[in-house]
Amino acid sequence: MRENCTFDFKNTFLNLTQYTVPHGYESRLEPYLPAGVQKDAFGNYFLRVGTSETLFASHLDTASYTREKVTHEIAHNIIRTDGSTILGGDNKAGVTILLYLISQGVPGTYYFFAGEERGCLGSRWALEQDPEFFRQFKRAVAFDRRETGSIITHQRCGRTASDSFADALSIQFAQKGMTYQADPYGVFTDTAIYEDVIPECTNLSAGVWHEHSRREYVDIVLVEQIAKAAAGIDWESLPAARPIMPNHSWVA
């Protein structure tokens, strides 16, 4: 991992949230993605850093149907809007975290998916195109959960990550001064798409409150704390204990 790499969390997040990003407009964010990033035929962006069996995920679209200018209101560490639009912290907080991990050289394959808010369209498409590619990973980690402290073990009412994985990750976060614990009440994000090919598929809290609403806000200091803790996690040491039992039609 690189040391002393300057990364401006606040300005990165503000740049990413200048406008709402309905599905179809994800390419407008390409200037803010890292050098070397590749784009697939659907419009997902991805980048491999080093050698790793970890897939990191976030999504570029927001829960909106029109592209609108966002007016930020900032009070200390809290970023929200003037109430006329959503903020887009879901999932630009996650994108910010992934950009930081990349800047620090944390090994992993990083995916910035399109169309998550329309039913995980980009992640579904990527799996359908090349399921064998995704079978190389032992864990898929999204930063797309609200608030703080959750290590999601269940999505769509089914188990997607083992308790042993969550417990091991919880211990490592605690060593970094952060409280993260297993949470079985996840909803649905891109990592759930890979539950039939990747043993551990989780979603981690990213410091966003009231997502999908005009009351949405982000604690940017907390986002920074999460990112820096995540950069110190030994992701490759985490167990891959959940058995894979393919049962969905989109898996070849």
C-alpha atoms as a PDB file:
ATOM      1  CA  MET A   1       0.000   0.000   0.000  1.00  0.00           C
ATOM      2  CA  ARG A   2       1.265   3.467  -0.863  1.00  0.00           C
ATOM      3  CA  GLU A   3       2.006   5.809   1.990  1.00  0.00           C
ATOM      4  CA  ASN A   4       1.388   9.565   2.253  1.00  0.00           C
ATOM      5  CA  CYS A   5      -0.676   9.728  -0.934  1.00  0.00           C
ATOM      6  CA  THR A   6      -2.729  12.923  -0.792  1.00  0.00           C
ATOM      7  CA  PHE A   7      -6.420  12.333  -1.471  1.00  0.00           C
ATOM      8  CA  ASP A   8      -9.057  15.043  -1.119  1.00  0.00           C
ATOM      9  CA  PHE A   9     -12.192  13.257   0.063  1.00  0.00           C
ATOM     10  CA  LYS A  10     -14.413  16.324   0.198  1.00  0.00           C
ATOM     11  CA  ASN A  11     -13.640  17.668  -3.262  1.00  0.00           C
ATOM     12  CA  THR A  12     -13.713  14.204  -4.786  1.00  0.00           C
ATOM     13  CA  PHE A  13     -17.205  13.662  -3.422  1.00  0.00           C
ATOM     14  CA  LEU A  14     -18.382  17.135  -4.446  1.00  0.00           C
ATOM     15  CA  ASN A  15     -17.132  16.588  -7.991  1.00  0.00           C
ATOM     16  CA  LEU A  16     -18.920  13.249  -8.230  1.00  0.00           C
ATOM     17  CA  THR A  17     -22.197  14.743  -6.998  1.00  0.00           C
ATOM     18  CA  GLN A  18     -22.383  17.922  -9.102  1.00  0.00           C
ATOM     19  CA  TYR A  19     -25.343  16.362 -10.929  1.00  0.00           C
ATOM     20  CA  THR A  20     -27.716  13.496 -10.381  1.00  0.00           C
ATOM     21  CA  VAL A  21     -26.753  10.554 -12.592  1.00  0.00           C
ATOM     22  CA  PRO A  22     -29.723   8.547 -13.879  1.00  0.00           C
ATOM     23  CA  HIS A  23     -28.860   5.326 -15.676  1.00  0.00           C
ATOM     24  CA  GLY A  24     -27.562   6.180 -19.121  1.00  0.00           C
ATOM     25  CA  TYR A  25     -25.492   9.136 -17.936  1.00  0.00           C
ATOM     26  CA  GLU A  26     -22.771   7.217 -16.084  1.00  0.00           C
ATOM     27  CA  SER A  27     -20.163   8.123 -18.720  1.00  0.00           C
ATOM     28  CA  ARG A  28     -20.366  11.754 -17.570  1.00  0.00           C
ATOM     29  CA  LEU A  29     -18.313  10.656 -14.548  1.00  0.00           C
ATOM     30  CA  GLU A  30     -15.492   9.145 -16.592  1.00  0.00           C
ATOM     31  CA  PRO A  31     -13.208  12.206 -16.110  1.00  0.00           C
ATOM     32  CA  TYR A  32     -13.196  11.515 -12.359  1.00  0.00           C
ATOM     33  CA  LEU A  33     -12.241   7.843 -12.661  1.00  0.00           C
ATOM     34  CA  PRO A  34      -8.597   6.735 -12.349  1.00  0.00           C
ATOM     35  CA  ALA A  35      -6.109   6.451 -15.168  1.00  0.00           C
ATOM     36  CA  GLY A  36      -6.116   3.031 -16.805  1.00  0.00           C
ATOM     37  CA  VAL A  37      -9.768   2.290 -16.120  1.00  0.00           C
ATOM     38  CA  GLN A  38     -11.473   0.203 -18.824  1.00  0.00           C
ATOM     39  CA  LYS A  39     -15.061   0.379 -20.049  1.00  0.00           C
ATOM     40  CA  ASP A  40     -17.083  -2.608 -21.181  1.00  0.00           C
ATOM     41  CA  ALA A  41     -19.825  -2.724 -23.801  1.00  0.00           C
ATOM     42  CA  PHE A  42     -22.580  -2.081 -21.251  1.00  0.00           C
ATOM     43  CA  GLY A  43     -20.941   0.987 -19.727  1.00  0.00           C
ATOM     44  CA  ASN A  44     -19.391  -0.490 -16.579  1.00  0.00           C
ATOM     45  CA  TYR A  45     -15.889   0.662 -15.678  1.00  0.00           C
ATOM     46  CA  PHE A  46     -13.267  -1.616 -14.149  1.00  0.00           C
ATOM     47  CA  LEU A  47      -9.633  -1.649 -13.096  1.00  0.00           C
ATOM     48  CA  ARG A  48      -7.345  -4.347 -11.722  1.00  0.00           C
ATOM     49  CA  VAL A  49      -4.764  -3.361  -9.109  1.00  0.00           C
ATOM     50  CA  GLY A  50      -2.124  -5.953  -8.292  1.00  0.00           C
ATOM     51  CA  THR A  51      -2.972  -9.586  -7.633  1.00  0.00           C
ATOM     52  CA  SER A  52      -6.050 -10.279  -5.549  1.00  0.00           C
ATOM     53  CA  GLU A  53      -9.084 -12.539  -5.145  1.00  0.00           C
ATOM     54  CA  THR A  54     -11.211  -9.595  -4.012  1.00  0.00           C
ATOM     55  CA  LEU A  55     -13.793  -7.812  -6.146  1.00  0.00           C
ATOM     56  CA  PHE A  56     -14.635  -4.283  -4.954  1.00  0.00           C
ATOM     57  CA  ALA A  57     -17.870  -2.754  -6.227  1.00  0.00           C
ATOM     58  CA  SER A  58     -19.747   0.521  -6.297  1.00  0.00           C
ATOM     59  CA  HIS A  59     -22.237   2.002  -8.746  1.00  0.00           C
ATOM     60  CA  LEU A  60     -22.210   5.231 -10.703  1.00  0.00           C
ATOM     61  CA  ASP A  61     -25.925   5.840 -11.212  1.00  0.00           C
ATOM     62  CA  THR A  62     -28.243   7.515  -8.731  1.00  0.00           C
ATOM     63  CA  ALA A  63     -31.895   6.946  -7.839  1.00  0.00           C
ATOM     64  CA  SER A  64     -33.207   9.556 -10.253  1.00  0.00           C
ATOM     65  CA  TYR A  65     -34.848   9.649 -13.681  1.00  0.00           C
ATOM     66  CA  THR A  66     -33.555  13.039 -14.829  1.00  0.00           C
ATOM     67  CA  ARG A  67     -30.134  14.669 -14.759  1.00  0.00           C
ATOM     68  CA  GLU A  68     -30.327  17.679 -12.454  1.00  0.00           C
ATOM     69  CA  LYS A  69     -27.813  20.157 -11.078  1.00  0.00           C
ATOM     70  CA  VAL A  70     -27.154  19.542  -7.379  1.00  0.00           C
ATOM     71  CA  THR A  71     -26.828  22.497  -5.018  1.00  0.00           C
ATOM     72  CA  HIS A  72     -24.699  21.434  -2.082  1.00  0.00           C
ATOM     73  CA  GLU A  73     -25.112  22.681   1.455  1.00  0.00           C
ATOM     74  CA  ILE A  74     -22.154  21.986   3.718  1.00  0.00           C
ATOM     75  CA  ALA A  75     -22.069  22.299   7.498  1.00  0.00           C
ATOM     76  CA  HIS A  76     -18.854  21.044   9.073  1.00  0.00           C
ATOM     77  CA  ASN A  77     -18.582  17.374   8.007  1.00  0.00           C
ATOM     78  CA  ILE A  78     -22.174  17.046   6.738  1.00  0.00           C
ATOM     79  CA  ILE A  79     -22.916  17.415   3.014  1.00  0.00           C
ATOM     80  CA  ARG A  80     -26.531  17.602   1.820  1.00  0.00           C
ATOM     81  CA  THR A  81     -28.499  19.497  -0.826  1.00  0.00           C
ATOM     82  CA  ASP A  82     -30.812  22.500  -0.691  1.00  0.00           C
ATOM     83  CA  GLY A  83     -33.688  20.029  -0.786  1.00  0.00           C
ATOM     84  CA  SER A  84     -34.496  20.400  -4.470  1.00  0.00           C
ATOM     85  CA  THR A  85     -32.720  17.167  -5.503  1.00  0.00           C
ATOM     86  CA  ILE A  86     -31.276  14.039  -4.019  1.00  0.00           C
ATOM     87  CA  LEU A  87     -27.580  14.243  -3.166  1.00  0.00           C
ATOM     88  CA  GLY A  88     -26.333  11.049  -4.799  1.00  0.00           C
ATOM     89  CA  GLY A  89     -24.354   9.915  -1.780  1.00  0.00           C
ATOM     90  CA  ASP A  90     -25.802   6.556  -2.763  1.00  0.00           C
ATOM     91  CA  ASN A  91     -23.438   5.535  -4.205  1.00  0.00           C
ATOM     92  CA  LYS A  92     -20.891   8.325  -4.664  1.00  0.00           C
ATOM     93  CA  ALA A  93     -19.703   7.742  -1.098  1.00  0.00           C
ATOM     94  CA  GLY A  94     -18.854   4.192  -2.192  1.00  0.00           C
ATOM     95  CA  VAL A  95     -17.212   5.451  -5.375  1.00  0.00           C
ATOM     96  CA  THR A  96     -15.118   7.852  -3.284  1.00  0.00           C
ATOM     97  CA  ILE A  97     -14.012   4.993  -1.023  1.00  0.00           C
ATOM     98  CA  LEU A  98     -12.996   2.854  -3.998  1.00  0.00           C
ATOM     99  CA  LEU A  99     -11.092   5.727  -5.584  1.00  0.00           C
ATOM    100  CA  TYR A 100      -9.162   6.116  -2.343  1.00  0.00           C
ATOM    101  CA  LEU A 101      -8.341   2.401  -2.176  1.00  0.00           C
ATOM    102  CA  ILE A 102      -7.063   2.575  -5.754  1.00  0.00           C
ATOM    103  CA  SER A 103      -4.976   5.649  -4.926  1.00  0.00           C
ATOM    104  CA  GLN A 104      -3.390   3.667  -2.110  1.00  0.00           C
ATOM    105  CA  GLY A 105      -2.613   0.706  -4.337  1.00  0.00           C
ATOM    106  CA  VAL A 106      -4.847  -1.712  -2.423  1.00  0.00           C
ATOM    107  CA  PRO A 107      -4.916  -4.924  -4.499  1.00  0.00           C
ATOM    108  CA  GLY A 108      -8.268  -5.828  -6.000  1.00  0.00           C
ATOM    109  CA  THR A 109     -10.422  -5.761  -9.092  1.00  0.00           C
ATOM    110  CA  TYR A 110     -12.518  -2.598  -8.930  1.00  0.00           C
ATOM    111  CA  TYR A 111     -15.878  -2.324 -10.678  1.00  0.00           C
ATOM    112  CA  PHE A 112     -17.908   0.861 -11.065  1.00  0.00           C
ATOM    113  CA  PHE A 113     -21.226  -0.517 -12.244  1.00  0.00           C
ATOM    114  CA  ALA A 114     -23.930   1.147 -14.321  1.00  0.00           C
ATOM    115  CA  GLY A 115     -27.643   0.758 -13.747  1.00  0.00           C
ATOM    116  CA  GLU A 116     -27.645  -0.569 -10.185  1.00  0.00           C
ATOM    117  CA  GLU A 117     -30.671   1.543  -9.311  1.00  0.00           C
ATOM    118  CA  ARG A 118     -32.581  -0.017 -12.228  1.00  0.00           C
ATOM    119  CA  GLY A 119     -32.118  -3.586 -10.993  1.00  0.00           C
ATOM    120  CA  CYS A 120     -28.336  -4.109 -11.017  1.00  0.00           C
ATOM    121  CA  LEU A 121     -28.330  -4.044 -14.797  1.00  0.00           C
ATOM    122  CA  GLY A 122     -24.595  -3.598 -15.281  1.00  0.00           C
ATOM    123  CA  SER A 123     -23.507  -6.277 -12.832  1.00  0.00           C
ATOM    124  CA  ARG A 124     -26.031  -8.746 -14.286  1.00  0.00           C
ATOM    125  CA  TRP A 125     -24.768  -8.034 -17.806  1.00  0.00           C
ATOM    126  CA  ALA A 126     -21.129  -8.504 -16.781  1.00  0.00           C
ATOM    127  CA  LEU A 127     -21.886 -11.868 -15.157  1.00  0.00           C
ATOM    128  CA  GLU A 128     -23.878 -13.081 -18.153  1.00  0.00           C
ATOM    129  CA  GLN A 129     -21.024 -12.189 -20.499  1.00  0.00           C
ATOM    130  CA  ASP A 130     -18.282 -14.009 -18.600  1.00  0.00           C
ATOM    131  CA  PRO A 131     -19.254 -15.992 -15.484  1.00  0.00           C
ATOM    132  CA  GLU A 132     -15.842 -17.696 -15.424  1.00  0.00           C
ATOM    133  CA  PHE A 133     -14.141 -14.343 -14.919  1.00  0.00           C
ATOM    134  CA  PHE A 134     -16.059 -13.755 -11.697  1.00  0.00           C
ATOM    135  CA  ARG A 135     -15.440 -17.267 -10.374  1.00  0.00           C
ATOM    136  CA  GLN A 136     -11.818 -16.289  -9.721  1.00  0.00           C
ATOM    137  CA  PHE A 137     -12.887 -14.157  -6.752  1.00  0.00           C
ATOM    138  CA  LYS A 138     -13.404 -15.321  -3.178  1.00  0.00           C
ATOM    139  CA  ARG A 139     -15.137 -12.179  -1.971  1.00  0.00           C
ATOM    140  CA  ALA A 140     -17.199  -9.362  -3.494  1.00  0.00           C
ATOM    141  CA  VAL A 141     -17.297  -6.220  -1.382  1.00  0.00           C
ATOM    142  CA  ALA A 142     -19.612  -3.275  -2.065  1.00  0.00           C
ATOM    143  CA  PHE A 143     -19.628   0.002  -0.137  1.00  0.00           C
ATOM    144  CA  ASP A 144     -23.304   0.728  -0.698  1.00  0.00           C
ATOM    145  CA  ARG A 145     -24.995   0.291   2.687  1.00  0.00           C
ATOM    146  CA  ARG A 146     -26.583   3.146   4.586  1.00  0.00           C
ATOM    147  CA  GLU A 147     -25.215   4.750   7.751  1.00  0.00           C
ATOM    148  CA  THR A 148     -22.437   2.984   9.634  1.00  0.00           C
ATOM    149  CA  GLY A 149     -21.414  -0.330  11.124  1.00  0.00           C
ATOM    150  CA  SER A 150     -23.052  -2.918   8.848  1.00  0.00           C
ATOM    151  CA  ILE A 151     -21.396  -5.952   7.312  1.00  0.00           C
ATOM    152  CA  ILE A 152     -24.289  -7.336   5.308  1.00  0.00           C
ATOM    153  CA  THR A 153     -24.626 -11.136   5.403  1.00  0.00           C
ATOM    154  CA  HIS A 154     -28.055 -11.472   3.750  1.00  0.00           C
ATOM    155  CA  GLN A 155     -29.506  -9.836   0.636  1.00  0.00           C
ATOM    156  CA  ARG A 156     -32.960 -10.509  -0.836  1.00  0.00           C
ATOM    157  CA  CYS A 157     -33.678 -12.534   2.328  1.00  0.00           C
ATOM    158  CA  GLY A 158     -30.946 -15.057   1.443  1.00  0.00           C
ATOM    159  CA  ARG A 159     -27.476 -15.529   2.873  1.00  0.00           C
ATOM    160  CA  THR A 160     -24.738 -14.027   0.727  1.00  0.00           C
ATOM    161  CA  ALA A 161     -21.863 -13.950   3.243  1.00  0.00           C
ATOM    162  CA  SER A 162     -20.897 -16.276   6.078  1.00  0.00           C
ATOM    163  CA  ASP A 163     -20.777 -15.308   9.730  1.00  0.00           C
ATOM    164  CA  SER A 164     -17.120 -16.352   9.875  1.00  0.00           C
ATOM    165  CA  PHE A 165     -16.329 -13.880   7.088  1.00  0.00           C
ATOM    166  CA  ALA A 166     -18.279 -11.107   8.836  1.00  0.00           C
ATOM    167  CA  ASP A 167     -16.677 -11.854  12.203  1.00  0.00           C
ATOM    168  CA  ALA A 168     -13.161 -11.829  10.765  1.00  0.00           C
ATOM    169  CA  LEU A 169     -13.834  -8.543   8.973  1.00  0.00           C
ATOM    170  CA  SER A 170     -15.377  -7.080  12.130  1.00  0.00           C
ATOM    171  CA  ILE A 171     -12.211  -7.868  14.073  1.00  0.00           C
ATOM    172  CA  GLN A 172     -10.033  -6.169  11.485  1.00  0.00           C
ATOM    173  CA  PHE A 173     -12.224  -3.052  11.451  1.00  0.00           C
ATOM    174  CA  ALA A 174     -12.068  -2.964  15.258  1.00  0.00           C
ATOM    175  CA  GLN A 175      -8.283  -2.995  15.039  1.00  0.00           C
ATOM    176  CA  LYS A 176      -8.625   0.144  12.918  1.00  0.00           C
ATOM    177  CA  GLY A 177     -10.854   1.782  15.531  1.00  0.00           C
ATOM    178  CA  MET A 178     -14.183   1.204  13.782  1.00  0.00           C
ATOM    179  CA  THR A 179     -17.207  -0.809  14.865  1.00  0.00           C
ATOM    180  CA  TYR A 180     -18.589  -3.005  12.089  1.00  0.00           C
ATOM    181  CA  GLN A 181     -20.739  -6.042  12.799  1.00  0.00           C
ATOM    182  CA  ALA A 182     -22.689  -8.696  10.918  1.00  0.00           C
ATOM    183  CA  ASP A 183     -26.048  -7.399   9.702  1.00  0.00           C
ATOM    184  CA  PRO A 184     -28.568  -9.892   8.207  1.00  0.00           C
ATOM    185  CA  TYR A 185     -30.970  -7.197   6.978  1.00  0.00           C
ATOM    186  CA  GLY A 186     -29.484  -6.175   3.662  1.00  0.00           C
ATOM    187  CA  VAL A 187     -31.678  -5.254   0.724  1.00  0.00           C
ATOM    188  CA  PHE A 188     -30.075  -5.621  -2.703  1.00  0.00           C
ATOM    189  CA  THR A 189     -26.966  -4.310  -4.414  1.00  0.00           C
ATOM    190  CA  ASP A 190     -24.549  -5.413  -7.118  1.00  0.00           C
ATOM    191  CA  THR A 191     -22.683  -7.964  -5.024  1.00  0.00           C
ATOM    192  CA  ALA A 192     -25.879 -10.013  -4.593  1.00  0.00           C
ATOM    193  CA  ILE A 193     -25.738 -10.771  -8.316  1.00  0.00           C
ATOM    194  CA  TYR A 194     -22.565 -12.793  -7.730  1.00  0.00           C
ATOM    195  CA  GLU A 195     -23.803 -14.978  -4.870  1.00  0.00           C
ATOM    196  CA  ASP A 196     -23.827 -18.076  -7.093  1.00  0.00           C
ATOM    197  CA  VAL A 197     -20.217 -17.718  -8.245  1.00  0.00           C
ATOM    198  CA  ILE A 198     -18.405 -15.888  -5.404  1.00  0.00           C
ATOM    199  CA  PRO A 199     -18.452 -17.361  -1.864  1.00  0.00           C
ATOM    200  CA  GLU A 200     -18.565 -14.138   0.165  1.00  0.00           C
ATOM    201  CA  CYS A 201     -20.743 -11.302  -1.157  1.00  0.00           C
ATOM    202  CA  THR A 202     -21.220  -8.408   1.229  1.00  0.00           C
ATOM    203  CA  ASN A 203     -22.216  -4.759   1.408  1.00  0.00           C
ATOM    204  CA  LEU A 204     -20.591  -2.352   3.877  1.00  0.00           C
ATOM    205  CA  SER A 205     -21.933   0.870   5.372  1.00  0.00           C
ATOM    206  CA  ALA A 206     -20.528   3.954   3.657  1.00  0.00           C
ATOM    207  CA  GLY A 207     -21.683   6.916   5.759  1.00  0.00           C
ATOM    208  CA  VAL A 208     -24.901   7.866   3.916  1.00  0.00           C
ATOM    209  CA  TRP A 209     -28.240   8.711   5.530  1.00  0.00           C
ATOM    210  CA  HIS A 210     -31.747   8.926   3.964  1.00  0.00           C
ATOM    211  CA  GLU A 211     -30.659   7.599   0.587  1.00  0.00           C
ATOM    212  CA  HIS A 212     -33.060   7.971  -2.368  1.00  0.00           C
ATOM    213  CA  SER A 213     -34.636  11.064  -0.819  1.00  0.00           C
ATOM    214  CA  ARG A 214     -34.088  14.811  -0.849  1.00  0.00           C
ATOM    215  CA  ARG A 215     -33.166  14.557   2.826  1.00  0.00           C
ATOM    216  CA  GLU A 216     -30.103  12.500   1.925  1.00  0.00           C
ATOM    217  CA  TYR A 217     -26.816  13.512   3.518  1.00  0.00           C
ATOM    218  CA  VAL A 218     -23.269  12.225   3.868  1.00  0.00           C
ATOM    219  CA  ASP A 219     -20.830  12.512   6.738  1.00  0.00           C
ATOM    220  CA  ILE A 220     -17.674  13.066   4.707  1.00  0.00           C
ATOM    221  CA  VAL A 221     -15.386  12.661   7.725  1.00  0.00           C
ATOM    222  CA  LEU A 222     -16.928   9.264   8.346  1.00  0.00           C
ATOM    223  CA  VAL A 223     -16.479   8.365   4.669  1.00  0.00           C
ATOM    224  CA  GLU A 224     -12.784   9.192   5.055  1.00  0.00           C
ATOM    225  CA  GLN A 225     -12.514   7.099   8.227  1.00  0.00           C
ATOM    226  CA  ILE A 226     -14.170   4.125   6.517  1.00  0.00           C
ATOM    227  CA  ALA A 227     -11.900   4.412   3.490  1.00  0.00           C
ATOM    228  CA  LYS A 228      -8.729   4.635   5.523  1.00  0.00           C
ATOM    229  CA  ALA A 229      -9.761   1.690   7.689  1.00  0.00           C
ATOM    230  CA  ALA A 230     -10.634  -0.326   4.567  1.00  0.00           C
ATOM    231  CA  ALA A 231      -7.208   0.430   3.103  1.00  0.00           C
ATOM    232  CA  GLY A 232      -5.657  -1.282   6.112  1.00  0.00           C
ATOM    233  CA  ILE A 233      -7.772  -4.442   5.954  1.00  0.00           C
ATOM    234  CA  ASP A 234      -6.011  -7.645   4.899  1.00  0.00           C
ATOM    235  CA  TRP A 235      -8.776  -8.611   2.502  1.00  0.00           C
ATOM    236  CA  GLU A 236      -6.973 -11.671   1.184  1.00  0.00           C
ATOM    237  CA  SER A 237      -6.825 -13.214   4.657  1.00  0.00           C
ATOM    238  CA  LEU A 238     -10.602 -13.190   5.128  1.00  0.00           C
ATOM    239  CA  PRO A 239     -12.269 -16.621   5.037  1.00  0.00           C
ATOM    240  CA  ALA A 240     -14.374 -17.815   2.105  1.00  0.00           C
ATOM    241  CA  ALA A 241     -16.687 -20.157   3.996  1.00  0.00           C
ATOM    242  CA  ARG A 242     -20.135 -19.806   2.425  1.00  0.00           C
ATOM    243  CA  PRO A 243     -20.951 -22.725   0.110  1.00  0.00           C
ATOM    244  CA  ILE A 244     -21.985 -21.808  -3.418  1.00  0.00           C
ATOM    245  CA  MET A 245     -25.211 -23.353  -4.656  1.00  0.00           C
ATOM    246  CA  PRO A 246     -26.065 -21.951  -8.113  1.00  0.00           C
ATOM    247  CA  ASN A 247     -29.787 -21.520  -8.602  1.00  0.00           C
ATOM    248  CA  HIS A 248     -30.339 -18.483 -10.789  1.00  0.00           C
ATOM    249  CA  SER A 249     -30.977 -18.461 -14.521  1.00  0.00           C
ATOM    250  CA  TRP A 250     -28.425 -15.725 -15.276  1.00  0.00           C
ATOM    251  CA  VAL A 251     -25.523 -17.981 -14.196  1.00  0.00           C
ATOM    252  CA  ALA A 252     -24.179 -20.128 -17.027  1.00  0.00           C
END
